[in-house]
Amino acid sequence: MAYDEGLAQRVREALQDHHAVVESVVEKKMFGGIGFMVRGNLCCGVLRDDLIVRVGPAGYAAALAQPHARLFDITGRPMTGWVMVAPEGYASDEALEEWVRQGVEFAHSLPAK
């Protein structure tokens, strides 16, 4: 299993709550999992049972300080501005929605592709 389909479905549902992005969400298979693009920019994804969130440089330290969050490092080179969240960190719907919100906000801060 490359990614947790149940988590991917929860992310899809959380993205539905962001009415401004619903029409611009594109799913792409990437990094052995699935990524969710908003206006052409990756905002979050799922790899195995981890949630990947693109929080950007300004939100990076605060995101890493959250329980169950760690560096996004699948190649031996950590990616600044991205975090991986273990299942305990997104177990509640509220926690998942907060992570997705951060990813959507960062994606909206970038120019559309």
Protein backbone atom coordinates (compact mmCIF):
# COMPACT_ATOMS: atom_id res chain seq x y z
CA MET A 1 0.00 0.00 0.00
CA ALA A 2 1.60 3.25 -1.16
CA TYR A 3 -0.83 5.46 0.73
CA ASP A 4 -3.73 5.22 3.13
CA GLU A 5 -6.84 5.61 0.96
CA GLY A 6 -8.98 6.33 4.04
CA LEU A 7 -6.76 9.28 4.93
CA ALA A 8 -6.82 10.47 1.32
CA GLN A 9 -10.61 10.46 1.46
CA ARG A 10 -10.58 12.43 4.72
CA VAL A 11 -8.28 15.00 3.05
CA ARG A 12 -10.67 15.23 0.08
CA GLU A 13 -13.53 15.90 2.50
CA ALA A 14 -11.51 18.51 4.40
CA LEU A 15 -10.68 20.24 1.11
CA GLN A 16 -14.42 20.35 0.32
CA ASP A 17 -14.82 22.63 3.35
CA HIS A 18 -12.66 25.23 1.57
CA HIS A 19 -15.23 26.33 -1.01
CA ALA A 20 -12.77 28.68 -2.70
CA VAL A 21 -10.50 25.77 -3.61
CA VAL A 22 -12.91 22.97 -4.47
CA GLU A 23 -12.88 23.64 -8.21
CA SER A 24 -9.12 24.08 -8.35
CA VAL A 25 -8.11 20.88 -6.49
CA VAL A 26 -6.20 18.37 -8.59
CA GLU A 27 -4.96 15.04 -7.30
CA LYS A 28 -1.65 13.66 -8.54
CA LYS A 29 0.20 10.47 -7.76
CA MET A 30 3.65 11.49 -6.54
CA PHE A 31 6.44 10.49 -4.17
CA GLY A 32 4.85 7.03 -3.93
CA GLY A 33 1.66 8.55 -2.55
CA ILE A 34 -0.91 11.11 -3.58
CA GLY A 35 -0.65 14.89 -3.62
CA PHE A 36 -3.41 17.49 -3.61
CA MET A 37 -2.74 20.56 -5.70
CA VAL A 38 -4.56 23.88 -5.28
CA ARG A 39 -4.20 26.31 -8.18
CA GLY A 40 -1.30 24.18 -9.40
CA ASN A 41 0.60 24.27 -6.09
CA LEU A 42 0.94 21.26 -3.82
CA CYS A 43 -0.78 21.93 -0.49
CA CYS A 44 -0.86 18.50 1.13
CA GLY A 45 -0.56 14.82 0.43
CA VAL A 46 -0.59 11.32 1.81
CA LEU A 47 2.35 8.91 1.90
CA ARG A 48 1.70 5.55 3.55
CA ASP A 49 -0.18 6.62 6.70
CA ASP A 50 1.50 10.02 7.03
CA LEU A 51 -0.07 13.34 6.14
CA ILE A 52 2.27 15.68 4.25
CA VAL A 53 1.59 19.39 4.58
CA ARG A 54 3.27 22.28 2.79
CA VAL A 55 3.31 25.08 5.37
CA GLY A 56 6.00 27.30 3.82
CA PRO A 57 9.10 28.83 5.37
CA ALA A 58 7.23 31.21 7.70
CA GLY A 59 5.09 28.46 9.23
CA TYR A 60 7.75 25.77 9.26
CA ALA A 61 9.11 26.08 12.82
CA ALA A 62 5.64 26.33 14.36
CA ALA A 63 4.44 23.31 12.38
CA LEU A 64 7.45 21.22 13.43
CA ALA A 65 6.76 22.14 17.06
CA GLN A 66 3.32 20.49 16.86
CA PRO A 67 2.94 17.03 18.39
CA HIS A 68 3.53 14.17 15.94
CA ALA A 69 4.98 16.46 13.22
CA ARG A 70 8.45 15.87 11.80
CA LEU A 71 10.67 16.83 8.90
CA PHE A 72 9.50 15.85 5.44
CA ASP A 73 12.46 13.74 4.44
CA ILE A 74 11.94 10.82 2.09
CA THR A 75 15.17 11.17 0.13
CA GLY A 76 17.77 12.01 2.79
CA ARG A 77 17.36 15.74 2.09
CA PRO A 78 14.72 17.37 4.33
CA MET A 79 12.45 19.81 2.51
CA THR A 80 12.13 23.10 4.37
CA GLY A 81 8.56 24.31 4.54
CA TRP A 82 7.07 20.81 4.48
CA VAL A 83 6.16 18.55 7.38
CA MET A 84 5.02 14.96 7.81
CA VAL A 85 2.35 14.30 10.41
CA ALA A 86 1.98 10.88 12.01
CA PRO A 87 -1.53 9.41 12.42
CA GLU A 88 -1.78 10.57 16.04
CA GLY A 89 -1.37 14.15 14.84
CA TYR A 90 -4.41 14.10 12.56
CA ALA A 91 -6.59 11.55 14.38
CA SER A 92 -9.43 13.98 15.06
CA ASP A 93 -11.30 15.65 12.21
CA GLU A 94 -10.48 19.03 13.76
CA ALA A 95 -6.74 18.32 13.75
CA LEU A 96 -6.83 17.11 10.14
CA GLU A 97 -8.84 20.14 9.06
CA GLU A 98 -6.33 22.47 10.75
CA TRP A 99 -3.41 20.85 8.92
CA VAL A 100 -5.26 20.99 5.60
CA ARG A 101 -6.15 24.64 6.24
CA GLN A 102 -2.48 25.47 6.70
CA GLY A 103 -1.61 23.76 3.44
CA VAL A 104 -4.41 25.51 1.55
CA GLU A 105 -3.45 28.91 2.94
CA PHE A 106 0.16 28.44 1.88
CA ALA A 107 -0.84 27.25 -1.59
CA HIS A 108 -3.04 30.33 -1.96
CA SER A 109 -0.10 32.56 -1.06
CA LEU A 110 1.71 31.39 -4.19
CA PRO A 111 1.04 32.45 -7.76
CA ALA A 112 -1.28 30.10 -9.62
CA LYS A 113 0.44 27.77 -12.07
